[in-house]
Amino acid sequence: TEREKEREKERETAKGVAHHLQRTFAFLALSLRPSLSPSPLLASLPPAFKFGGQQDACEFGRYTLSCLETVCNGHTSTATDKGGEKKREGPVGLIEGRMVTTITCLTCKSASSREESFWDLGLPLVDLGG
């Protein structure tokens, strides 16, 4: 079907991005050269990251982690930690956080909680210099 073709194309793109990320990190780790051209990595990215489009580091990080998770699909799992909490393993599990939002009624003191995962945490930066 058309959807299966689209998914296969996304998997192939993810494999290409993961391959170029691996080569980039290997080069950075093993080379004595002072610089690296990211052209092969940039060429492997989908159109949303090309042609002068503006993306921030957080969006790029999410996309690359998504690619790694796609490539590692058969190698990721869910484990239970010491406290009985389920935790994802694999690329996303390394940086995924959990947040609990609790709302308490001021009248009856009844509380309801909702747990959700996050990949990044936005924090305001304060200029203390003046």
N, C-alpha and C. Protein backbone atom coordinates (compact mmCIF):
# COMPACT_ATOMS: atom_id res chain seq x y z
N THR A 1 0.84 -1.18 0.00
CA THR A 1 0.00 0.00 0.00
C THR A 1 0.88 1.25 0.00
N GLU A 2 0.23 2.37 -0.16
CA GLU A 2 0.96 3.65 -0.20
C GLU A 2 1.60 3.96 1.15
N ARG A 3 0.89 3.65 2.23
CA ARG A 3 1.42 3.90 3.57
C ARG A 3 2.66 3.04 3.85
N GLU A 4 2.65 1.80 3.40
CA GLU A 4 3.82 0.92 3.58
C GLU A 4 5.01 1.44 2.80
N LYS A 5 4.78 1.97 1.60
CA LYS A 5 5.87 2.55 0.81
C LYS A 5 6.45 3.77 1.52
N GLU A 6 5.57 4.57 2.10
CA GLU A 6 6.02 5.76 2.83
C GLU A 6 6.85 5.37 4.05
N ARG A 7 6.41 4.35 4.79
CA ARG A 7 7.16 3.89 5.96
C ARG A 7 8.52 3.33 5.56
N GLU A 8 8.56 2.60 4.46
CA GLU A 8 9.84 2.04 3.99
C GLU A 8 10.80 3.17 3.60
N LYS A 9 10.27 4.21 2.97
CA LYS A 9 11.10 5.37 2.61
C LYS A 9 11.63 6.05 3.87
N GLU A 10 10.78 6.18 4.90
CA GLU A 10 11.22 6.77 6.17
C GLU A 10 12.30 5.92 6.82
N ARG A 11 12.15 4.59 6.76
CA ARG A 11 13.17 3.69 7.33
C ARG A 11 14.50 3.83 6.59
N GLU A 12 14.44 3.94 5.27
CA GLU A 12 15.67 4.10 4.49
C GLU A 12 16.34 5.43 4.79
N THR A 13 15.55 6.49 4.94
CA THR A 13 16.11 7.79 5.31
C THR A 13 16.74 7.71 6.70
N ALA A 14 16.06 7.06 7.63
CA ALA A 14 16.59 6.91 8.99
C ALA A 14 17.90 6.13 8.98
N LYS A 15 17.98 5.09 8.16
CA LYS A 15 19.22 4.31 8.06
C LYS A 15 20.35 5.19 7.53
N GLY A 16 20.06 6.02 6.53
CA GLY A 16 21.08 6.91 5.97
C GLY A 16 21.57 7.91 6.99
N VAL A 17 20.64 8.52 7.72
CA VAL A 17 21.01 9.50 8.75
C VAL A 17 21.84 8.81 9.84
N ALA A 18 21.40 7.65 10.29
CA ALA A 18 22.14 6.92 11.33
C ALA A 18 23.54 6.55 10.85
N HIS A 19 23.65 6.13 9.59
CA HIS A 19 24.96 5.79 9.03
C HIS A 19 25.89 7.00 9.03
N HIS A 20 25.37 8.14 8.57
CA HIS A 20 26.22 9.34 8.52
C HIS A 20 26.53 9.89 9.92
N LEU A 21 25.61 9.73 10.85
CA LEU A 21 25.92 10.11 12.24
C LEU A 21 27.04 9.24 12.78
N GLN A 22 26.97 7.95 12.52
CA GLN A 22 28.01 7.02 12.98
C GLN A 22 29.36 7.40 12.39
N ARG A 23 29.39 7.68 11.10
CA ARG A 23 30.65 8.08 10.45
C ARG A 23 31.17 9.40 11.02
N THR A 24 30.26 10.34 11.27
CA THR A 24 30.66 11.64 11.81
C THR A 24 31.28 11.48 13.20
N PHE A 25 30.62 10.71 14.06
CA PHE A 25 31.16 10.51 15.42
C PHE A 25 32.45 9.71 15.40
N ALA A 26 32.55 8.74 14.51
CA ALA A 26 33.79 7.97 14.40
C ALA A 26 34.93 8.88 13.95
N PHE A 27 34.65 9.73 12.98
CA PHE A 27 35.67 10.66 12.50
C PHE A 27 36.12 11.59 13.64
N LEU A 28 35.14 12.13 14.37
CA LEU A 28 35.48 13.04 15.48
C LEU A 28 36.30 12.33 16.55
N ALA A 29 36.00 11.07 16.80
CA ALA A 29 36.70 10.32 17.84
C ALA A 29 38.10 9.88 17.40
N LEU A 30 38.28 9.56 16.11
CA LEU A 30 39.51 8.92 15.68
C LEU A 30 40.45 9.79 14.85
N SER A 31 39.95 10.91 14.36
CA SER A 31 40.77 11.74 13.48
C SER A 31 41.57 12.77 14.26
N LEU A 32 42.71 13.13 13.70
CA LEU A 32 43.52 14.20 14.28
C LEU A 32 43.28 15.53 13.56
N ARG A 33 42.43 15.49 12.52
CA ARG A 33 42.14 16.73 11.78
C ARG A 33 41.35 17.68 12.67
N PRO A 34 41.60 18.99 12.53
CA PRO A 34 40.94 19.96 13.41
C PRO A 34 39.51 20.31 13.01
N SER A 35 39.06 19.87 11.83
CA SER A 35 37.71 20.22 11.40
C SER A 35 37.08 19.07 10.62
N LEU A 36 35.78 19.20 10.43
CA LEU A 36 35.01 18.17 9.75
C LEU A 36 33.91 18.85 8.94
N SER A 37 33.73 18.45 7.71
CA SER A 37 32.62 18.96 6.92
C SER A 37 31.41 18.08 7.17
N PRO A 38 30.28 18.68 7.57
CA PRO A 38 29.08 17.89 7.83
C PRO A 38 28.26 17.62 6.57
N SER A 39 28.80 17.92 5.40
CA SER A 39 28.04 17.81 4.14
C SER A 39 27.38 16.45 3.94
N PRO A 40 28.07 15.31 4.12
CA PRO A 40 27.38 14.03 3.92
C PRO A 40 26.20 13.83 4.87
N LEU A 41 26.35 14.25 6.12
CA LEU A 41 25.26 14.14 7.08
C LEU A 41 24.10 15.04 6.66
N LEU A 42 24.41 16.27 6.31
CA LEU A 42 23.37 17.20 5.89
C LEU A 42 22.63 16.72 4.65
N ALA A 43 23.37 16.11 3.73
CA ALA A 43 22.75 15.60 2.49
C ALA A 43 21.80 14.44 2.78
N SER A 44 22.00 13.73 3.89
CA SER A 44 21.15 12.58 4.21
C SER A 44 19.84 12.98 4.90
N LEU A 45 19.74 14.24 5.32
CA LEU A 45 18.55 14.70 6.04
C LEU A 45 17.38 14.93 5.09
N PRO A 46 16.14 14.82 5.60
CA PRO A 46 14.97 15.06 4.76
C PRO A 46 14.81 16.55 4.43
N PRO A 47 13.96 16.88 3.47
CA PRO A 47 13.81 18.28 3.03
C PRO A 47 13.49 19.28 4.13
N ALA A 48 12.83 18.87 5.19
CA ALA A 48 12.50 19.81 6.28
C ALA A 48 13.74 20.42 6.91
N PHE A 49 14.89 19.74 6.79
CA PHE A 49 16.13 20.23 7.37
C PHE A 49 17.06 20.83 6.32
N LYS A 50 16.55 21.03 5.12
CA LYS A 50 17.39 21.55 4.04
C LYS A 50 16.81 22.85 3.49
N PHE A 51 17.48 23.36 2.49
CA PHE A 51 17.01 24.49 1.70
C PHE A 51 16.69 25.73 2.52
N GLY A 52 17.53 26.01 3.49
CA GLY A 52 17.42 27.25 4.26
C GLY A 52 16.33 27.24 5.31
N GLY A 53 15.67 26.10 5.51
CA GLY A 53 14.66 26.02 6.56
C GLY A 53 15.31 26.13 7.92
N GLN A 54 14.64 26.79 8.84
CA GLN A 54 15.22 26.98 10.17
C GLN A 54 14.72 25.89 11.11
N GLN A 55 15.63 25.18 11.72
CA GLN A 55 15.33 24.17 12.71
C GLN A 55 16.24 24.43 13.91
N ASP A 56 15.72 24.22 15.09
CA ASP A 56 16.59 24.41 16.25
C ASP A 56 17.23 23.09 16.66
N ALA A 57 18.16 23.16 17.55
CA ALA A 57 18.92 21.98 17.97
C ALA A 57 18.01 20.92 18.60
N CYS A 58 16.98 21.36 19.28
CA CYS A 58 16.06 20.42 19.92
C CYS A 58 15.33 19.59 18.86
N GLU A 59 14.83 20.25 17.81
CA GLU A 59 14.13 19.52 16.73
C GLU A 59 15.07 18.56 16.03
N PHE A 60 16.30 19.01 15.79
CA PHE A 60 17.29 18.13 15.16
C PHE A 60 17.60 16.93 16.06
N GLY A 61 17.75 17.18 17.34
CA GLY A 61 18.01 16.09 18.29
C GLY A 61 16.88 15.09 18.33
N ARG A 62 15.65 15.57 18.34
CA ARG A 62 14.50 14.67 18.32
C ARG A 62 14.48 13.84 17.04
N TYR A 63 14.76 14.50 15.92
CA TYR A 63 14.74 13.78 14.65
C TYR A 63 15.83 12.70 14.61
N THR A 64 17.04 13.05 15.02
CA THR A 64 18.11 12.07 14.96
C THR A 64 17.86 10.91 15.93
N LEU A 65 17.32 11.19 17.11
CA LEU A 65 16.98 10.11 18.03
C LEU A 65 15.88 9.23 17.45
N SER A 66 14.93 9.85 16.78
CA SER A 66 13.87 9.08 16.13
C SER A 66 14.46 8.16 15.05
N CYS A 67 15.44 8.66 14.30
CA CYS A 67 16.12 7.84 13.28
C CYS A 67 16.84 6.67 13.94
N LEU A 68 17.55 6.94 15.02
CA LEU A 68 18.28 5.88 15.71
C LEU A 68 17.32 4.84 16.27
N GLU A 69 16.20 5.30 16.80
CA GLU A 69 15.21 4.35 17.33
C GLU A 69 14.62 3.51 16.20
N THR A 70 14.38 4.12 15.04
CA THR A 70 13.87 3.38 13.89
C THR A 70 14.85 2.31 13.46
N VAL A 71 16.12 2.67 13.38
CA VAL A 71 17.15 1.72 12.95
C VAL A 71 17.32 0.60 13.98
N CYS A 72 17.21 0.94 15.26
CA CYS A 72 17.39 -0.05 16.33
C CYS A 72 16.08 -0.72 16.72
N ASN A 73 15.05 -0.55 15.94
CA ASN A 73 13.71 -1.02 16.29
C ASN A 73 13.70 -2.44 16.85
N GLY A 74 14.41 -3.33 16.24
CA GLY A 74 14.43 -4.70 16.72
C GLY A 74 15.30 -4.91 17.94
N HIS A 75 16.01 -3.88 18.37
CA HIS A 75 16.97 -4.03 19.46
C HIS A 75 16.61 -3.20 20.69
N THR A 76 15.43 -2.58 20.68
CA THR A 76 15.02 -1.81 21.85
C THR A 76 13.99 -2.60 22.63
N SER A 77 13.90 -2.34 23.90
CA SER A 77 12.95 -3.07 24.74
C SER A 77 12.57 -2.21 25.93
N THR A 78 11.66 -2.71 26.72
CA THR A 78 11.27 -2.05 27.95
C THR A 78 11.73 -2.92 29.10
N ALA A 79 12.37 -2.31 30.07
CA ALA A 79 12.84 -3.04 31.24
C ALA A 79 12.18 -2.44 32.48
N THR A 80 12.25 -3.15 33.56
CA THR A 80 11.72 -2.66 34.83
C THR A 80 12.90 -2.35 35.75
N ASP A 81 12.92 -1.13 36.30
CA ASP A 81 14.02 -0.76 37.18
C ASP A 81 13.77 -1.26 38.60
N LYS A 82 14.67 -0.93 39.52
CA LYS A 82 14.58 -1.43 40.91
C LYS A 82 13.29 -1.02 41.61
N GLY A 83 12.76 0.13 41.25
CA GLY A 83 11.53 0.61 41.89
C GLY A 83 10.26 0.08 41.23
N GLY A 84 10.40 -0.81 40.25
CA GLY A 84 9.23 -1.36 39.57
C GLY A 84 8.73 -0.51 38.42
N GLU A 85 9.43 0.58 38.12
CA GLU A 85 9.04 1.47 37.03
C GLU A 85 9.51 0.89 35.70
N LYS A 86 8.65 1.00 34.68
CA LYS A 86 9.05 0.56 33.35
C LYS A 86 9.90 1.65 32.71
N LYS A 87 10.98 1.24 32.07
CA LYS A 87 11.92 2.19 31.44
C LYS A 87 12.30 1.67 30.07
N ARG A 88 12.27 2.58 29.10
CA ARG A 88 12.66 2.20 27.75
C ARG A 88 14.16 2.07 27.66
N GLU A 89 14.61 1.08 26.93
CA GLU A 89 16.02 0.91 26.66
C GLU A 89 16.27 1.29 25.22
N GLY A 90 17.53 1.46 24.85
CA GLY A 90 17.85 1.86 23.49
C GLY A 90 18.18 3.34 23.46
N PRO A 91 18.31 3.94 22.28
CA PRO A 91 18.73 5.34 22.18
C PRO A 91 17.84 6.32 22.93
N VAL A 92 16.54 6.19 22.80
CA VAL A 92 15.64 7.13 23.45
C VAL A 92 15.65 6.95 24.96
N GLY A 93 15.76 5.71 25.43
CA GLY A 93 15.77 5.45 26.86
C GLY A 93 16.92 6.11 27.58
N LEU A 94 17.99 6.43 26.87
CA LEU A 94 19.14 7.09 27.49
C LEU A 94 18.81 8.51 27.94
N ILE A 95 17.90 9.17 27.25
CA ILE A 95 17.64 10.57 27.57
C ILE A 95 16.19 10.86 27.91
N GLU A 96 15.34 9.86 27.85
CA GLU A 96 13.92 10.08 28.11
C GLU A 96 13.70 10.32 29.60
N GLY A 97 12.93 11.35 29.91
CA GLY A 97 12.58 11.63 31.29
C GLY A 97 11.10 11.40 31.53
N ARG A 98 10.71 11.35 32.79
CA ARG A 98 9.30 11.17 33.15
C ARG A 98 8.90 12.34 34.05
N MET A 99 7.68 12.83 33.82
CA MET A 99 7.19 13.96 34.60
C MET A 99 5.78 13.62 35.09
N VAL A 100 5.49 13.97 36.34
CA VAL A 100 4.17 13.76 36.90
C VAL A 100 3.57 15.13 37.20
N THR A 101 2.38 15.38 36.66
CA THR A 101 1.65 16.60 36.94
C THR A 101 0.50 16.25 37.87
N THR A 102 0.42 16.91 39.01
CA THR A 102 -0.63 16.65 39.99
C THR A 102 -1.45 17.91 40.19
N ILE A 103 -2.76 17.76 40.09
CA ILE A 103 -3.69 18.88 40.31
C ILE A 103 -4.52 18.53 41.55
N THR A 104 -4.54 19.46 42.52
CA THR A 104 -5.27 19.24 43.77
C THR A 104 -6.38 20.27 43.91
N CYS A 105 -7.58 19.79 44.18
CA CYS A 105 -8.73 20.67 44.40
C CYS A 105 -8.55 21.41 45.72
N LEU A 106 -8.72 22.72 45.71
CA LEU A 106 -8.55 23.52 46.92
C LEU A 106 -9.70 23.32 47.90
N THR A 107 -10.85 22.88 47.39
CA THR A 107 -12.01 22.69 48.26
C THR A 107 -12.00 21.33 48.95
N CYS A 108 -11.96 20.26 48.16
CA CYS A 108 -12.07 18.91 48.74
C CYS A 108 -10.72 18.22 48.91
N LYS A 109 -9.66 18.83 48.45
CA LYS A 109 -8.30 18.30 48.56
C LYS A 109 -8.08 17.01 47.75
N SER A 110 -9.01 16.70 46.87
CA SER A 110 -8.86 15.54 45.98
C SER A 110 -7.77 15.86 44.95
N ALA A 111 -6.94 14.87 44.66
CA ALA A 111 -5.83 15.07 43.73
C ALA A 111 -5.92 14.10 42.57
N SER A 112 -5.54 14.57 41.41
CA SER A 112 -5.43 13.68 40.25
C SER A 112 -4.05 13.91 39.64
N SER A 113 -3.44 12.83 39.17
CA SER A 113 -2.09 12.91 38.62
C SER A 113 -2.06 12.35 37.22
N ARG A 114 -1.14 12.87 36.45
CA ARG A 114 -0.93 12.39 35.09
C ARG A 114 0.57 12.29 34.87
N GLU A 115 1.03 11.13 34.39
CA GLU A 115 2.44 10.91 34.12
C GLU A 115 2.67 10.95 32.61
N GLU A 116 3.74 11.61 32.19
CA GLU A 116 4.08 11.67 30.77
C GLU A 116 5.59 11.69 30.60
N SER A 117 6.03 11.28 29.42
CA SER A 117 7.47 11.27 29.15
C SER A 117 7.86 12.53 28.39
N PHE A 118 9.15 12.87 28.46
CA PHE A 118 9.68 14.00 27.69
C PHE A 118 11.10 13.68 27.25
N TRP A 119 11.50 14.29 26.15
CA TRP A 119 12.85 14.11 25.60
C TRP A 119 13.73 15.32 25.86
N ASP A 120 13.11 16.43 26.12
CA ASP A 120 13.89 17.64 26.39
C ASP A 120 13.11 18.46 27.41
N LEU A 121 13.81 19.32 28.08
CA LEU A 121 13.22 20.12 29.14
C LEU A 121 13.61 21.57 28.90
N GLY A 122 12.62 22.38 28.60
CA GLY A 122 12.88 23.80 28.36
C GLY A 122 13.03 24.54 29.67
N LEU A 123 14.12 25.25 29.82
CA LEU A 123 14.37 26.01 31.04
C LEU A 123 14.66 27.46 30.68
N PRO A 124 14.08 28.41 31.42
CA PRO A 124 14.39 29.81 31.15
C PRO A 124 15.80 30.14 31.63
N LEU A 125 16.51 30.92 30.85
CA LEU A 125 17.85 31.35 31.24
C LEU A 125 17.78 32.78 31.74
N VAL A 126 18.38 33.02 32.87
CA VAL A 126 18.35 34.33 33.49
C VAL A 126 19.75 34.94 33.40
N ASP A 127 19.81 36.19 32.94
CA ASP A 127 21.10 36.88 32.85
C ASP A 127 21.41 37.49 34.22
N LEU A 128 22.38 36.92 34.90
CA LEU A 128 22.76 37.42 36.23
C LEU A 128 23.86 38.46 36.15
N GLY A 129 24.30 38.74 34.91
CA GLY A 129 25.43 39.65 34.74
C GLY A 129 25.07 41.12 34.81
N GLY A 130 23.81 41.48 34.81
CA GLY A 130 23.61 42.88 34.92
C GLY A 130 22.40 43.39 34.37
